[in-house]
Each structure stands twice: as structure tokens, then as C-alpha cells.
Amino acid sequence: MTVANGDFATGDATGWSLSGSGTLLVYSNALGFNARDSVVGGLAAQTVTTEVGQAYTLSVDVSEFGSNAGDHTLVIEIADAQGAIVATRTDVVLNASSLTLTLPFVSTTAAMTLRFLNPSSTATVVTDLIIDNVAVTPG
């Protein structure tokens, strides 16, 4: 199964639904939350086709980017076609850090929605939460 534009190589958010109070912006082939010094509260989502009963693992590269110091909370949710959350994790991405996060889940419907939320940050001026290389693999 494929995540459309999971590496943001198109230079934009094609394939993604962006919403919330914070500005989300694609730059340097990655998606930035609270970009342009905006407030937190951004949401990026994409619905992918899955096989019911199949185990999958979501992976995503996350980092803090900017010349100011800031720690950013990232909530990752996997929702089924009815909106029920089947898997979730919350992480704080520390200033100047980069890491790969994974989230295993079992598909309960033929369409599952990947959600990435930035509900809080210790700073938003010249510091962004970045996600890139979003992928879902069987197993």
C-alpha cells in the first residue's frame, strides 16, 4: 500500500488534507507544522487503502527545525472508516532532534486515515515541527 506524496517530493501537500489553527507548509521536501511562526494546532491527514485484518506499521521521520529553541508535541493517530482510533502515540520532539517514529496497527476497515497533529509546542517563532518520509508497510 502506498502513502501518496509521503516524502513531500512534489514540493507541496498533494494527497494530504491540511487543517487546524496552525499553518502547515511544505518546504525542503518535508511538511512543517506551525510554519511562518504561526500557532500550534495543525492537522495533516491522508486516507489510505488497506486490507482488513492485515497488520501494518506506519513510519515517519520527525524533527525540530529552526534557529530558535522549541520542543514540539506530535500526536499520531490511525483511524478507521468510521473515525474510531485504532492506534495512537504521542511524542515530544525535542529541540534540534531528529528521529524515526513507528506505530503498528491492524486494519479494521478497507480505508484507514493517518493523522498527524501538533497540539502544543514550547515555542513557535523560528522553530517548526517537521515530518517526512511517511510510509505504511505490511507486517
N, C-alpha and C. Protein backbone atom coordinates (compact mmCIF):
# COMPACT_ATOMS: atom_id res chain seq x y z
N MET A 1 0.84 -1.18 0.00
CA MET A 1 0.00 0.00 0.00
C MET A 1 0.88 1.23 0.00
N THR A 2 0.36 2.28 -0.54
CA THR A 2 1.19 3.47 -0.76
C THR A 2 0.59 4.68 -0.07
N VAL A 3 1.45 5.45 0.57
CA VAL A 3 1.08 6.77 1.07
C VAL A 3 1.43 7.75 -0.05
N ALA A 4 0.44 8.48 -0.52
CA ALA A 4 0.66 9.44 -1.60
C ALA A 4 1.51 10.60 -1.10
N ASN A 5 2.60 10.87 -1.82
CA ASN A 5 3.44 12.03 -1.50
C ASN A 5 3.94 11.99 -0.05
N GLY A 6 4.27 10.80 0.43
CA GLY A 6 4.75 10.65 1.80
C GLY A 6 6.10 11.28 2.04
N ASP A 7 6.84 11.53 0.94
CA ASP A 7 8.13 12.20 1.07
C ASP A 7 8.06 13.68 0.68
N PHE A 8 6.87 14.15 0.36
CA PHE A 8 6.60 15.56 0.02
C PHE A 8 7.51 16.05 -1.12
N ALA A 9 7.92 15.10 -1.98
CA ALA A 9 8.83 15.43 -3.08
C ALA A 9 8.17 16.30 -4.15
N THR A 10 6.84 16.38 -4.14
CA THR A 10 6.15 17.25 -5.10
C THR A 10 6.38 18.72 -4.78
N GLY A 11 6.88 18.99 -3.56
CA GLY A 11 7.09 20.37 -3.15
C GLY A 11 5.82 21.01 -2.61
N ASP A 12 4.76 20.22 -2.51
CA ASP A 12 3.51 20.72 -1.94
C ASP A 12 2.83 19.59 -1.18
N ALA A 13 1.62 19.81 -0.74
CA ALA A 13 0.91 18.83 0.10
C ALA A 13 -0.08 17.99 -0.70
N THR A 14 0.19 17.77 -1.98
CA THR A 14 -0.66 16.92 -2.80
C THR A 14 -0.88 15.58 -2.11
N GLY A 15 -2.15 15.15 -2.03
CA GLY A 15 -2.50 13.89 -1.39
C GLY A 15 -2.83 14.01 0.09
N TRP A 16 -2.57 15.15 0.67
CA TRP A 16 -2.81 15.37 2.10
C TRP A 16 -3.93 16.37 2.30
N SER A 17 -4.68 16.19 3.39
CA SER A 17 -5.68 17.16 3.83
C SER A 17 -5.06 17.92 5.00
N LEU A 18 -4.95 19.23 4.88
CA LEU A 18 -4.37 20.07 5.92
C LEU A 18 -5.45 20.93 6.54
N SER A 19 -5.48 20.99 7.87
CA SER A 19 -6.49 21.80 8.56
C SER A 19 -5.96 22.18 9.93
N GLY A 20 -6.81 22.84 10.69
CA GLY A 20 -6.44 23.25 12.04
C GLY A 20 -6.04 24.70 12.11
N SER A 21 -5.65 25.14 13.31
CA SER A 21 -5.37 26.55 13.53
C SER A 21 -3.95 26.94 13.15
N GLY A 22 -3.01 26.01 13.11
CA GLY A 22 -1.64 26.34 12.77
C GLY A 22 -1.40 26.24 11.27
N THR A 23 -0.42 26.98 10.78
CA THR A 23 -0.07 26.92 9.36
C THR A 23 0.82 25.72 9.09
N LEU A 24 0.45 24.94 8.09
CA LEU A 24 1.26 23.81 7.63
C LEU A 24 1.79 24.18 6.26
N LEU A 25 3.09 23.93 6.06
CA LEU A 25 3.74 24.36 4.84
C LEU A 25 4.79 23.34 4.43
N VAL A 26 4.82 22.98 3.15
CA VAL A 26 5.86 22.08 2.65
C VAL A 26 7.05 22.93 2.23
N TYR A 27 8.20 22.61 2.79
CA TYR A 27 9.45 23.22 2.37
C TYR A 27 10.58 22.22 2.57
N SER A 28 11.58 22.30 1.72
CA SER A 28 12.70 21.35 1.75
C SER A 28 12.20 19.90 1.69
N ASN A 29 11.14 19.67 0.90
CA ASN A 29 10.56 18.34 0.74
C ASN A 29 10.17 17.69 2.06
N ALA A 30 9.60 18.47 2.96
CA ALA A 30 9.06 17.99 4.23
C ALA A 30 7.89 18.88 4.61
N LEU A 31 7.03 18.39 5.52
CA LEU A 31 5.87 19.17 5.95
C LEU A 31 6.17 19.80 7.31
N GLY A 32 6.07 21.13 7.37
CA GLY A 32 6.32 21.87 8.61
C GLY A 32 5.03 22.28 9.28
N PHE A 33 4.94 22.02 10.59
CA PHE A 33 3.82 22.46 11.41
C PHE A 33 4.20 23.76 12.10
N ASN A 34 3.23 24.61 12.40
CA ASN A 34 3.36 25.97 12.92
C ASN A 34 4.41 26.76 12.14
N ALA A 35 4.34 26.59 10.81
CA ALA A 35 5.24 27.29 9.90
C ALA A 35 4.91 28.78 9.87
N ARG A 36 5.86 29.54 9.41
CA ARG A 36 5.71 31.01 9.34
C ARG A 36 5.34 31.59 10.70
N ASP A 37 5.90 30.99 11.75
CA ASP A 37 5.72 31.48 13.12
C ASP A 37 4.26 31.50 13.56
N SER A 38 3.46 30.56 13.02
CA SER A 38 2.04 30.50 13.37
C SER A 38 1.84 29.72 14.67
N VAL A 39 0.63 29.70 15.12
CA VAL A 39 0.26 28.98 16.34
C VAL A 39 0.25 27.48 16.09
N VAL A 40 0.21 26.71 17.17
CA VAL A 40 0.08 25.26 17.06
C VAL A 40 -1.35 24.90 16.71
N GLY A 41 -1.57 23.62 16.45
CA GLY A 41 -2.93 23.17 16.19
C GLY A 41 -3.14 22.63 14.80
N GLY A 42 -2.07 22.46 14.04
CA GLY A 42 -2.20 21.94 12.69
C GLY A 42 -2.50 20.45 12.66
N LEU A 43 -3.19 20.02 11.61
CA LEU A 43 -3.53 18.62 11.39
C LEU A 43 -3.27 18.28 9.93
N ALA A 44 -2.50 17.21 9.70
CA ALA A 44 -2.30 16.66 8.36
C ALA A 44 -2.88 15.26 8.35
N ALA A 45 -3.67 14.94 7.34
CA ALA A 45 -4.32 13.62 7.29
C ALA A 45 -4.32 13.09 5.86
N GLN A 46 -4.32 11.76 5.78
CA GLN A 46 -4.44 11.10 4.49
C GLN A 46 -5.10 9.75 4.71
N THR A 47 -6.06 9.43 3.84
CA THR A 47 -6.72 8.13 3.89
C THR A 47 -6.05 7.20 2.89
N VAL A 48 -5.72 6.00 3.38
CA VAL A 48 -5.04 5.00 2.55
C VAL A 48 -5.88 3.73 2.49
N THR A 49 -5.70 2.99 1.42
CA THR A 49 -6.41 1.73 1.24
C THR A 49 -5.63 0.61 1.92
N THR A 50 -6.34 -0.21 2.70
CA THR A 50 -5.70 -1.31 3.42
C THR A 50 -6.53 -2.58 3.26
N GLU A 51 -5.96 -3.68 3.70
CA GLU A 51 -6.65 -4.96 3.70
C GLU A 51 -7.12 -5.25 5.13
N VAL A 52 -8.40 -5.47 5.30
CA VAL A 52 -8.96 -5.72 6.63
C VAL A 52 -8.28 -6.93 7.26
N GLY A 53 -7.87 -6.76 8.52
CA GLY A 53 -7.22 -7.83 9.27
C GLY A 53 -5.72 -7.88 9.11
N GLN A 54 -5.17 -7.12 8.16
CA GLN A 54 -3.73 -7.10 7.91
C GLN A 54 -3.04 -6.20 8.93
N ALA A 55 -1.90 -6.65 9.44
CA ALA A 55 -1.06 -5.82 10.32
C ALA A 55 -0.17 -4.93 9.47
N TYR A 56 -0.02 -3.69 9.89
CA TYR A 56 0.82 -2.71 9.20
C TYR A 56 1.67 -1.97 10.23
N THR A 57 2.71 -1.31 9.72
CA THR A 57 3.49 -0.40 10.55
C THR A 57 3.62 0.93 9.82
N LEU A 58 3.20 1.99 10.49
CA LEU A 58 3.41 3.34 10.00
C LEU A 58 4.78 3.79 10.48
N SER A 59 5.55 4.41 9.59
CA SER A 59 6.81 5.02 10.00
C SER A 59 6.86 6.45 9.47
N VAL A 60 7.53 7.33 10.21
CA VAL A 60 7.64 8.73 9.82
C VAL A 60 8.91 9.31 10.45
N ASP A 61 9.62 10.10 9.66
CA ASP A 61 10.77 10.83 10.18
C ASP A 61 10.27 12.16 10.72
N VAL A 62 10.69 12.51 11.92
CA VAL A 62 10.27 13.77 12.55
C VAL A 62 11.51 14.51 13.04
N SER A 63 11.39 15.83 13.08
CA SER A 63 12.49 16.64 13.58
C SER A 63 12.00 18.02 13.97
N GLU A 64 12.85 18.71 14.70
CA GLU A 64 12.64 20.12 15.00
C GLU A 64 13.56 20.89 14.08
N PHE A 65 13.04 21.94 13.46
CA PHE A 65 13.83 22.72 12.52
C PHE A 65 13.67 24.19 12.84
N GLY A 66 14.76 24.91 12.87
CA GLY A 66 14.73 26.35 13.06
C GLY A 66 15.87 26.81 13.94
N SER A 67 16.10 28.11 13.93
CA SER A 67 17.21 28.67 14.70
C SER A 67 16.83 28.98 16.14
N ASN A 68 15.56 28.93 16.47
CA ASN A 68 15.11 29.14 17.85
C ASN A 68 14.95 27.77 18.52
N ALA A 69 14.96 27.76 19.83
CA ALA A 69 14.78 26.52 20.59
C ALA A 69 13.29 26.27 20.80
N GLY A 70 12.87 25.02 20.56
CA GLY A 70 11.48 24.67 20.81
C GLY A 70 11.30 23.17 20.82
N ASP A 71 10.44 22.70 21.70
CA ASP A 71 10.04 21.30 21.76
C ASP A 71 8.60 21.22 21.27
N HIS A 72 8.31 20.22 20.46
CA HIS A 72 7.00 20.13 19.80
C HIS A 72 6.35 18.79 20.08
N THR A 73 5.09 18.81 20.45
CA THR A 73 4.33 17.59 20.66
C THR A 73 3.72 17.14 19.34
N LEU A 74 3.91 15.86 19.03
CA LEU A 74 3.32 15.26 17.84
C LEU A 74 2.43 14.11 18.29
N VAL A 75 1.17 14.15 17.86
CA VAL A 75 0.24 13.05 18.10
C VAL A 75 -0.01 12.39 16.76
N ILE A 76 0.19 11.07 16.72
CA ILE A 76 -0.09 10.29 15.52
C ILE A 76 -1.28 9.40 15.83
N GLU A 77 -2.27 9.43 14.95
CA GLU A 77 -3.47 8.59 15.11
C GLU A 77 -3.73 7.83 13.82
N ILE A 78 -4.21 6.60 13.98
CA ILE A 78 -4.72 5.82 12.86
C ILE A 78 -6.20 5.61 13.14
N ALA A 79 -7.04 6.05 12.22
CA ALA A 79 -8.49 5.95 12.40
C ALA A 79 -9.09 5.06 11.33
N ASP A 80 -10.15 4.33 11.70
CA ASP A 80 -10.84 3.50 10.71
C ASP A 80 -11.85 4.35 9.94
N ALA A 81 -12.59 3.72 9.04
CA ALA A 81 -13.52 4.45 8.17
C ALA A 81 -14.65 5.14 8.94
N GLN A 82 -14.94 4.67 10.17
CA GLN A 82 -15.98 5.31 10.99
C GLN A 82 -15.39 6.39 11.90
N GLY A 83 -14.08 6.56 11.86
CA GLY A 83 -13.43 7.58 12.68
C GLY A 83 -12.92 7.08 14.02
N ALA A 84 -13.11 5.80 14.32
CA ALA A 84 -12.61 5.24 15.58
C ALA A 84 -11.09 5.13 15.52
N ILE A 85 -10.42 5.56 16.56
CA ILE A 85 -8.97 5.49 16.64
C ILE A 85 -8.56 4.06 16.98
N VAL A 86 -7.75 3.43 16.12
CA VAL A 86 -7.30 2.06 16.36
C VAL A 86 -5.87 2.00 16.87
N ALA A 87 -5.11 3.08 16.68
CA ALA A 87 -3.75 3.16 17.20
C ALA A 87 -3.38 4.63 17.37
N THR A 88 -2.59 4.92 18.41
CA THR A 88 -2.16 6.30 18.64
C THR A 88 -0.86 6.30 19.41
N ARG A 89 -0.10 7.36 19.23
CA ARG A 89 1.08 7.59 20.06
C ARG A 89 1.32 9.09 20.12
N THR A 90 1.91 9.52 21.24
CA THR A 90 2.23 10.93 21.45
C THR A 90 3.70 11.02 21.81
N ASP A 91 4.41 11.91 21.15
CA ASP A 91 5.83 12.10 21.39
C ASP A 91 6.15 13.58 21.46
N VAL A 92 7.16 13.92 22.24
CA VAL A 92 7.70 15.27 22.25
C VAL A 92 8.99 15.24 21.45
N VAL A 93 9.02 16.03 20.39
CA VAL A 93 10.19 16.14 19.54
C VAL A 93 11.02 17.28 20.11
N LEU A 94 12.15 16.94 20.68
CA LEU A 94 12.98 17.92 21.39
C LEU A 94 13.74 18.82 20.42
N ASN A 95 14.11 19.99 20.92
CA ASN A 95 14.86 20.95 20.15
C ASN A 95 16.08 20.29 19.49
N ALA A 96 16.28 20.57 18.22
CA ALA A 96 17.44 20.10 17.45
C ALA A 96 17.51 18.59 17.33
N SER A 97 16.40 17.89 17.49
CA SER A 97 16.42 16.43 17.40
C SER A 97 15.79 15.96 16.10
N SER A 98 16.17 14.74 15.71
CA SER A 98 15.59 14.05 14.57
C SER A 98 15.45 12.59 14.94
N LEU A 99 14.32 11.99 14.61
CA LEU A 99 14.13 10.58 14.89
C LEU A 99 13.08 9.99 13.97
N THR A 100 13.06 8.66 13.91
CA THR A 100 12.04 7.95 13.15
C THR A 100 11.09 7.31 14.15
N LEU A 101 9.80 7.58 13.99
CA LEU A 101 8.77 7.01 14.85
C LEU A 101 8.03 5.93 14.08
N THR A 102 7.59 4.90 14.80
CA THR A 102 6.78 3.85 14.19
C THR A 102 5.53 3.63 15.02
N LEU A 103 4.50 3.16 14.35
CA LEU A 103 3.23 2.87 15.02
C LEU A 103 2.59 1.66 14.34
N PRO A 104 2.59 0.51 15.02
CA PRO A 104 1.94 -0.67 14.44
C PRO A 104 0.42 -0.58 14.60
N PHE A 105 -0.30 -1.15 13.63
CA PHE A 105 -1.75 -1.20 13.73
C PHE A 105 -2.28 -2.34 12.87
N VAL A 106 -3.50 -2.75 13.16
CA VAL A 106 -4.19 -3.75 12.35
C VAL A 106 -5.38 -3.06 11.71
N SER A 107 -5.50 -3.21 10.40
CA SER A 107 -6.58 -2.56 9.67
C SER A 107 -7.93 -3.20 10.04
N THR A 108 -8.89 -2.36 10.37
CA THR A 108 -10.23 -2.83 10.71
C THR A 108 -11.25 -2.49 9.63
N THR A 109 -10.86 -1.62 8.69
CA THR A 109 -11.70 -1.27 7.54
C THR A 109 -10.80 -1.15 6.31
N ALA A 110 -11.40 -1.15 5.14
CA ALA A 110 -10.62 -1.10 3.90
C ALA A 110 -9.96 0.25 3.66
N ALA A 111 -10.37 1.26 4.39
CA ALA A 111 -9.75 2.59 4.31
C ALA A 111 -9.40 3.03 5.73
N MET A 112 -8.15 3.42 5.92
CA MET A 112 -7.69 3.89 7.22
C MET A 112 -7.10 5.29 7.02
N THR A 113 -7.30 6.15 8.02
CA THR A 113 -6.81 7.52 7.92
C THR A 113 -5.63 7.72 8.86
N LEU A 114 -4.55 8.24 8.30
CA LEU A 114 -3.36 8.61 9.06
C LEU A 114 -3.51 10.07 9.46
N ARG A 115 -3.35 10.37 10.75
CA ARG A 115 -3.49 11.75 11.23
C ARG A 115 -2.24 12.15 12.01
N PHE A 116 -1.75 13.34 11.71
CA PHE A 116 -0.60 13.90 12.42
C PHE A 116 -1.03 15.25 12.97
N LEU A 117 -0.96 15.41 14.30
CA LEU A 117 -1.42 16.63 14.95
C LEU A 117 -0.29 17.24 15.77
N ASN A 118 -0.26 18.57 15.85
CA ASN A 118 0.71 19.30 16.66
C ASN A 118 -0.07 20.14 17.67
N PRO A 119 -0.49 19.53 18.80
CA PRO A 119 -1.33 20.25 19.76
C PRO A 119 -0.61 21.25 20.65
N SER A 120 0.73 21.10 20.80
CA SER A 120 1.44 22.03 21.66
C SER A 120 2.92 22.10 21.29
N SER A 121 3.51 23.25 21.59
CA SER A 121 4.94 23.50 21.39
C SER A 121 5.40 24.49 22.43
N THR A 122 6.66 24.40 22.82
CA THR A 122 7.19 25.37 23.79
C THR A 122 7.53 26.70 23.13
N ALA A 123 7.62 26.70 21.80
CA ALA A 123 7.87 27.93 21.04
C ALA A 123 7.37 27.69 19.62
N THR A 124 7.01 28.78 18.94
CA THR A 124 6.56 28.65 17.55
C THR A 124 7.26 29.65 16.63
N VAL A 125 8.05 30.55 17.18
CA VAL A 125 8.75 31.54 16.36
C VAL A 125 10.11 30.98 15.98
N VAL A 126 10.35 30.85 14.68
CA VAL A 126 11.59 30.34 14.10
C VAL A 126 11.92 28.94 14.63
N THR A 127 10.89 28.12 14.82
CA THR A 127 11.06 26.70 15.16
C THR A 127 9.81 25.96 14.70
N ASP A 128 10.01 24.90 13.92
CA ASP A 128 8.90 24.14 13.37
C ASP A 128 9.06 22.66 13.67
N LEU A 129 7.93 21.98 13.76
CA LEU A 129 7.90 20.52 13.80
C LEU A 129 7.84 20.05 12.35
N ILE A 130 8.71 19.11 11.97
CA ILE A 130 8.81 18.65 10.60
C ILE A 130 8.50 17.16 10.54
N ILE A 131 7.68 16.75 9.55
CA ILE A 131 7.50 15.32 9.27
C ILE A 131 7.89 15.06 7.82
N ASP A 132 8.40 13.84 7.58
CA ASP A 132 8.84 13.48 6.24
C ASP A 132 8.88 11.95 6.14
N ASN A 133 8.92 11.46 4.93
CA ASN A 133 9.06 10.02 4.65
C ASN A 133 8.01 9.19 5.38
N VAL A 134 6.75 9.60 5.24
CA VAL A 134 5.64 8.86 5.82
C VAL A 134 5.41 7.61 4.96
N ALA A 135 5.41 6.44 5.63
CA ALA A 135 5.22 5.19 4.90
C ALA A 135 4.42 4.21 5.75
N VAL A 136 3.69 3.34 5.09
CA VAL A 136 2.96 2.25 5.76
C VAL A 136 3.37 0.97 5.06
N THR A 137 3.85 0.01 5.86
CA THR A 137 4.29 -1.27 5.31
C THR A 137 3.56 -2.42 5.99
N PRO A 138 3.28 -3.49 5.26
CA PRO A 138 2.65 -4.66 5.87
C PRO A 138 3.61 -5.32 6.87
N GLY A 139 2.99 -5.93 7.88
CA GLY A 139 3.81 -6.70 8.82
C GLY A 139 3.86 -6.13 10.21
